[in-house]
Amino acid sequence: MFGMSVFQSVLERLKAEEDEDGATHEEQTPSANIRGLNAGFVGNLASSGMADGDAAQRAYFDTASEDMLAPPKPAPKPVMPDHLCRIRLEQIASDLGLTDTETPAGLADKRRRFAAENHPDRHHPDFRNNATIRMKIANMLIDEAQRRLYLMQRN
């Protein structure tokens, strides 16, 4: 083995081990085992009589707890937030807190804050109708305040 590269010496040693076992490359069957490990790398599902999916399912059920195997519990019925019940014009105007001294930036800020809390996409589907009504009325009130502000600035 002297005068050979490390790779060549490893190949020679492996060939010598195969010759001692009496096995050749043609006689060996493919295996998922790795020499030096006491277990297969992938596992030998063929010898267990299970297909890939069966082994995974069996492993899941063998390790699952009772609460994992129980059917899912129904989700609790959502509760409508109190502010979504306030859908009258006066109530929404009060929630917006519009005054006669508003500025364009202040109105834009109020619209953003109101939308952050009331936009229909932020609520459960059962409550989106009320949220939509609140947003429509609030937008109408803010648009009207902006129109009045524009007219006051123009005169």
C-alpha atoms as a PDB file:
ATOM      1  CA  MET A   1       0.000   0.000   0.000  1.00  0.00           C
ATOM      2  CA  PHE A   2       3.008   2.243   0.117  1.00  0.00           C
ATOM      3  CA  GLY A   3       3.449   4.455  -2.920  1.00  0.00           C
ATOM      4  CA  MET A   4      -0.334   4.688  -3.462  1.00  0.00           C
ATOM      5  CA  SER A   5      -2.616   7.618  -2.875  1.00  0.00           C
ATOM      6  CA  VAL A   6      -4.955   7.490   0.095  1.00  0.00           C
ATOM      7  CA  PHE A   7      -7.891   6.909  -2.246  1.00  0.00           C
ATOM      8  CA  GLN A   8      -6.163   4.021  -3.990  1.00  0.00           C
ATOM      9  CA  SER A   9      -5.260   2.406  -0.657  1.00  0.00           C
ATOM     10  CA  VAL A  10      -8.876   2.644   0.525  1.00  0.00           C
ATOM     11  CA  LEU A  11     -10.080   1.027  -2.701  1.00  0.00           C
ATOM     12  CA  GLU A  12      -7.535  -1.779  -2.295  1.00  0.00           C
ATOM     13  CA  ARG A  13      -8.599  -2.378   1.300  1.00  0.00           C
ATOM     14  CA  LEU A  14     -12.288  -2.510   0.348  1.00  0.00           C
ATOM     15  CA  LYS A  15     -11.505  -4.921  -2.485  1.00  0.00           C
ATOM     16  CA  ALA A  16      -9.566  -7.134  -0.081  1.00  0.00           C
ATOM     17  CA  GLU A  17     -12.499  -7.156   2.380  1.00  0.00           C
ATOM     18  CA  GLU A  18     -14.887  -8.150  -0.409  1.00  0.00           C
ATOM     19  CA  ASP A  19     -12.566 -10.936  -1.480  1.00  0.00           C
ATOM     20  CA  GLU A  20     -12.446 -12.259   2.102  1.00  0.00           C
ATOM     21  CA  ASP A  21     -16.273 -12.312   2.238  1.00  0.00           C
ATOM     22  CA  GLY A  22     -16.392 -14.073  -1.103  1.00  0.00           C
ATOM     23  CA  ALA A  23     -18.845 -11.535  -2.488  1.00  0.00           C
ATOM     24  CA  THR A  24     -18.471  -9.581  -5.685  1.00  0.00           C
ATOM     25  CA  HIS A  25     -20.233  -6.477  -6.913  1.00  0.00           C
ATOM     26  CA  GLU A  26     -22.484  -8.488  -9.221  1.00  0.00           C
ATOM     27  CA  GLU A  27     -23.669 -10.824  -6.459  1.00  0.00           C
ATOM     28  CA  GLN A  28     -24.673  -8.084  -4.015  1.00  0.00           C
ATOM     29  CA  THR A  29     -28.222  -6.801  -3.932  1.00  0.00           C
ATOM     30  CA  PRO A  30     -28.856  -3.100  -3.504  1.00  0.00           C
ATOM     31  CA  SER A  31     -29.358  -2.139   0.124  1.00  0.00           C
ATOM     32  CA  ALA A  32     -30.360   0.953   2.012  1.00  0.00           C
ATOM     33  CA  ASN A  33     -27.832   0.069   4.707  1.00  0.00           C
ATOM     34  CA  ILE A  34     -24.626   2.003   5.142  1.00  0.00           C
ATOM     35  CA  ARG A  35     -21.531   0.055   6.090  1.00  0.00           C
ATOM     36  CA  GLY A  36     -20.528   0.878   9.643  1.00  0.00           C
ATOM     37  CA  LEU A  37     -24.028   1.813  10.815  1.00  0.00           C
ATOM     38  CA  ASN A  38     -26.168  -0.656  12.722  1.00  0.00           C
ATOM     39  CA  ALA A  39     -29.381   0.500  11.004  1.00  0.00           C
ATOM     40  CA  GLY A  40     -30.445   1.229   7.474  1.00  0.00           C
ATOM     41  CA  PHE A  41     -30.094   4.756   6.177  1.00  0.00           C
ATOM     42  CA  VAL A  42     -33.549   4.864   4.621  1.00  0.00           C
ATOM     43  CA  GLY A  43     -35.018   1.873   6.331  1.00  0.00           C
ATOM     44  CA  ASN A  44     -36.020  -1.421   4.865  1.00  0.00           C
ATOM     45  CA  LEU A  45     -39.732  -1.122   4.198  1.00  0.00           C
ATOM     46  CA  ALA A  46     -39.774  -4.092   1.858  1.00  0.00           C
ATOM     47  CA  SER A  47     -38.857  -6.483   4.674  1.00  0.00           C
ATOM     48  CA  SER A  48     -41.501  -4.995   6.977  1.00  0.00           C
ATOM     49  CA  GLY A  49     -44.194  -5.648   4.372  1.00  0.00           C
ATOM     50  CA  MET A  50     -45.349  -2.013   4.397  1.00  0.00           C
ATOM     51  CA  ALA A  51     -45.485   0.484   1.612  1.00  0.00           C
ATOM     52  CA  ASP A  52     -44.031   3.945   2.191  1.00  0.00           C
ATOM     53  CA  GLY A  53     -47.379   5.556   3.070  1.00  0.00           C
ATOM     54  CA  ASP A  54     -48.382   2.735   5.404  1.00  0.00           C
ATOM     55  CA  ALA A  55     -45.172   3.053   7.409  1.00  0.00           C
ATOM     56  CA  ALA A  56     -45.597   6.799   7.807  1.00  0.00           C
ATOM     57  CA  GLN A  57     -49.239   6.454   8.828  1.00  0.00           C
ATOM     58  CA  ARG A  58     -48.450   3.685  11.310  1.00  0.00           C
ATOM     59  CA  ALA A  59     -45.637   5.747  12.824  1.00  0.00           C
ATOM     60  CA  TYR A  60     -48.026   8.694  13.201  1.00  0.00           C
ATOM     61  CA  PHE A  61     -50.705   6.641  14.933  1.00  0.00           C
ATOM     62  CA  ASP A  62     -48.174   4.855  17.146  1.00  0.00           C
ATOM     63  CA  THR A  63     -46.843   8.158  18.497  1.00  0.00           C
ATOM     64  CA  ALA A  64     -50.039  10.242  18.479  1.00  0.00           C
ATOM     65  CA  SER A  65     -51.782  11.064  21.738  1.00  0.00           C
ATOM     66  CA  GLU A  66     -55.524  10.648  22.250  1.00  0.00           C
ATOM     67  CA  ASP A  67     -56.266  14.352  21.786  1.00  0.00           C
ATOM     68  CA  MET A  68     -54.410  14.322  18.458  1.00  0.00           C
ATOM     69  CA  LEU A  69     -56.537  11.440  17.193  1.00  0.00           C
ATOM     70  CA  ALA A  70     -59.860  12.871  18.388  1.00  0.00           C
ATOM     71  CA  PRO A  71     -62.012  14.653  15.818  1.00  0.00           C
ATOM     72  CA  PRO A  72     -61.528  18.421  15.853  1.00  0.00           C
ATOM     73  CA  LYS A  73     -63.745  20.388  18.188  1.00  0.00           C
ATOM     74  CA  PRO A  74     -66.015  22.966  16.591  1.00  0.00           C
ATOM     75  CA  ALA A  75     -64.728  26.508  16.845  1.00  0.00           C
ATOM     76  CA  PRO A  76     -66.558  28.676  19.347  1.00  0.00           C
ATOM     77  CA  LYS A  77     -69.112  31.036  17.870  1.00  0.00           C
ATOM     78  CA  PRO A  78     -67.475  34.444  17.445  1.00  0.00           C
ATOM     79  CA  VAL A  79     -68.791  37.406  19.406  1.00  0.00           C
ATOM     80  CA  MET A  80     -69.416  40.695  17.600  1.00  0.00           C
ATOM     81  CA  PRO A  81     -67.291  43.551  18.948  1.00  0.00           C
ATOM     82  CA  ASP A  82     -69.387  46.271  20.606  1.00  0.00           C
ATOM     83  CA  HIS A  83     -68.296  48.996  18.208  1.00  0.00           C
ATOM     84  CA  LEU A  84     -69.685  47.068  15.222  1.00  0.00           C
ATOM     85  CA  CYS A  85     -73.158  47.245  16.757  1.00  0.00           C
ATOM     86  CA  ARG A  86     -73.062  51.031  16.438  1.00  0.00           C
ATOM     87  CA  ILE A  87     -74.319  51.514  12.864  1.00  0.00           C
ATOM     88  CA  ARG A  88     -76.498  54.632  13.153  1.00  0.00           C
ATOM     89  CA  LEU A  89     -75.212  57.863  11.593  1.00  0.00           C
ATOM     90  CA  GLU A  90     -75.077  59.742  14.926  1.00  0.00           C
ATOM     91  CA  GLN A  91     -73.150  56.923  16.602  1.00  0.00           C
ATOM     92  CA  ILE A  92     -70.547  56.748  13.842  1.00  0.00           C
ATOM     93  CA  ALA A  93     -70.173  60.533  13.776  1.00  0.00           C
ATOM     94  CA  SER A  94     -69.564  60.405  17.522  1.00  0.00           C
ATOM     95  CA  ASP A  95     -66.991  57.597  17.066  1.00  0.00           C
ATOM     96  CA  LEU A  96     -65.171  59.665  14.438  1.00  0.00           C
ATOM     97  CA  GLY A  97     -65.101  62.749  16.633  1.00  0.00           C
ATOM     98  CA  LEU A  98     -65.350  65.218  13.759  1.00  0.00           C
ATOM     99  CA  THR A  99     -65.128  68.897  14.669  1.00  0.00           C
ATOM    100  CA  ASP A 100     -65.411  72.204  12.796  1.00  0.00           C
ATOM    101  CA  THR A 101     -61.665  72.773  13.099  1.00  0.00           C
ATOM    102  CA  GLU A 102     -60.499  69.757  11.095  1.00  0.00           C
ATOM    103  CA  THR A 103     -57.555  69.911   8.693  1.00  0.00           C
ATOM    104  CA  PRO A 104     -57.070  67.767   5.583  1.00  0.00           C
ATOM    105  CA  ALA A 105     -54.293  65.837   7.338  1.00  0.00           C
ATOM    106  CA  GLY A 106     -56.454  65.377  10.431  1.00  0.00           C
ATOM    107  CA  LEU A 107     -59.339  64.021   8.352  1.00  0.00           C
ATOM    108  CA  ALA A 108     -57.025  61.616   6.533  1.00  0.00           C
ATOM    109  CA  ASP A 109     -55.676  60.435   9.891  1.00  0.00           C
ATOM    110  CA  LYS A 110     -59.188  59.882  11.267  1.00  0.00           C
ATOM    111  CA  ARG A 111     -60.121  57.891   8.151  1.00  0.00           C
ATOM    112  CA  ARG A 112     -57.045  55.655   8.562  1.00  0.00           C
ATOM    113  CA  ARG A 113     -57.617  55.065  12.276  1.00  0.00           C
ATOM    114  CA  PHE A 114     -61.309  54.301  11.725  1.00  0.00           C
ATOM    115  CA  ALA A 115     -60.507  51.881   8.891  1.00  0.00           C
ATOM    116  CA  ALA A 116     -57.871  50.124  10.989  1.00  0.00           C
ATOM    117  CA  GLU A 117     -60.538  49.242  13.536  1.00  0.00           C
ATOM    118  CA  ASN A 118     -63.613  48.821  11.334  1.00  0.00           C
ATOM    119  CA  HIS A 119     -62.567  47.589   7.889  1.00  0.00           C
ATOM    120  CA  PRO A 120     -64.651  44.528   6.865  1.00  0.00           C
ATOM    121  CA  ASP A 121     -61.557  42.483   5.956  1.00  0.00           C
ATOM    122  CA  ARG A 122     -60.434  42.641   9.585  1.00  0.00           C
ATOM    123  CA  HIS A 123     -63.581  41.014  10.961  1.00  0.00           C
ATOM    124  CA  HIS A 124     -65.271  37.632  10.966  1.00  0.00           C
ATOM    125  CA  PRO A 125     -67.490  37.059   7.904  1.00  0.00           C
ATOM    126  CA  ASP A 126     -70.599  37.121  10.122  1.00  0.00           C
ATOM    127  CA  PHE A 127     -69.836  40.732  11.113  1.00  0.00           C
ATOM    128  CA  ARG A 128     -68.671  42.122   7.774  1.00  0.00           C
ATOM    129  CA  ASN A 129     -72.081  43.557   6.904  1.00  0.00           C
ATOM    130  CA  ASN A 130     -72.022  45.830   9.974  1.00  0.00           C
ATOM    131  CA  ALA A 131     -68.384  46.730   9.332  1.00  0.00           C
ATOM    132  CA  THR A 132     -69.219  47.636   5.735  1.00  0.00           C
ATOM    133  CA  ILE A 133     -72.094  49.864   6.853  1.00  0.00           C
ATOM    134  CA  ARG A 134     -69.823  51.600   9.376  1.00  0.00           C
ATOM    135  CA  MET A 135     -67.115  52.175   6.762  1.00  0.00           C
ATOM    136  CA  LYS A 136     -69.570  53.540   4.187  1.00  0.00           C
ATOM    137  CA  ILE A 137     -71.091  56.002   6.624  1.00  0.00           C
ATOM    138  CA  ALA A 138     -67.712  57.059   8.018  1.00  0.00           C
ATOM    139  CA  ASN A 139     -66.327  57.635   4.518  1.00  0.00           C
ATOM    140  CA  MET A 140     -69.427  59.655   3.633  1.00  0.00           C
ATOM    141  CA  LEU A 141     -69.030  61.815   6.774  1.00  0.00           C
ATOM    142  CA  ILE A 142     -65.314  62.384   6.179  1.00  0.00           C
ATOM    143  CA  ASP A 143     -65.884  63.171   2.495  1.00  0.00           C
ATOM    144  CA  GLU A 144     -68.536  65.700   3.470  1.00  0.00           C
ATOM    145  CA  ALA A 145     -66.180  67.263   6.036  1.00  0.00           C
ATOM    146  CA  GLN A 146     -63.454  67.494   3.383  1.00  0.00           C
ATOM    147  CA  ARG A 147     -65.892  69.123   0.937  1.00  0.00           C
ATOM    148  CA  ARG A 148     -66.916  71.707   3.548  1.00  0.00           C
ATOM    149  CA  LEU A 149     -63.295  72.377   4.432  1.00  0.00           C
ATOM    150  CA  TYR A 150     -62.472  72.922   0.757  1.00  0.00           C
ATOM    151  CA  LEU A 151     -65.394  75.324   0.353  1.00  0.00           C
ATOM    152  CA  MET A 152     -64.380  77.288   3.478  1.00  0.00           C
ATOM    153  CA  GLN A 153     -60.775  77.580   2.273  1.00  0.00           C
ATOM    154  CA  ARG A 154     -61.933  78.664  -1.181  1.00  0.00           C
ATOM    155  CA  ASN A 155     -64.114  81.534   0.133  1.00  0.00           C
END
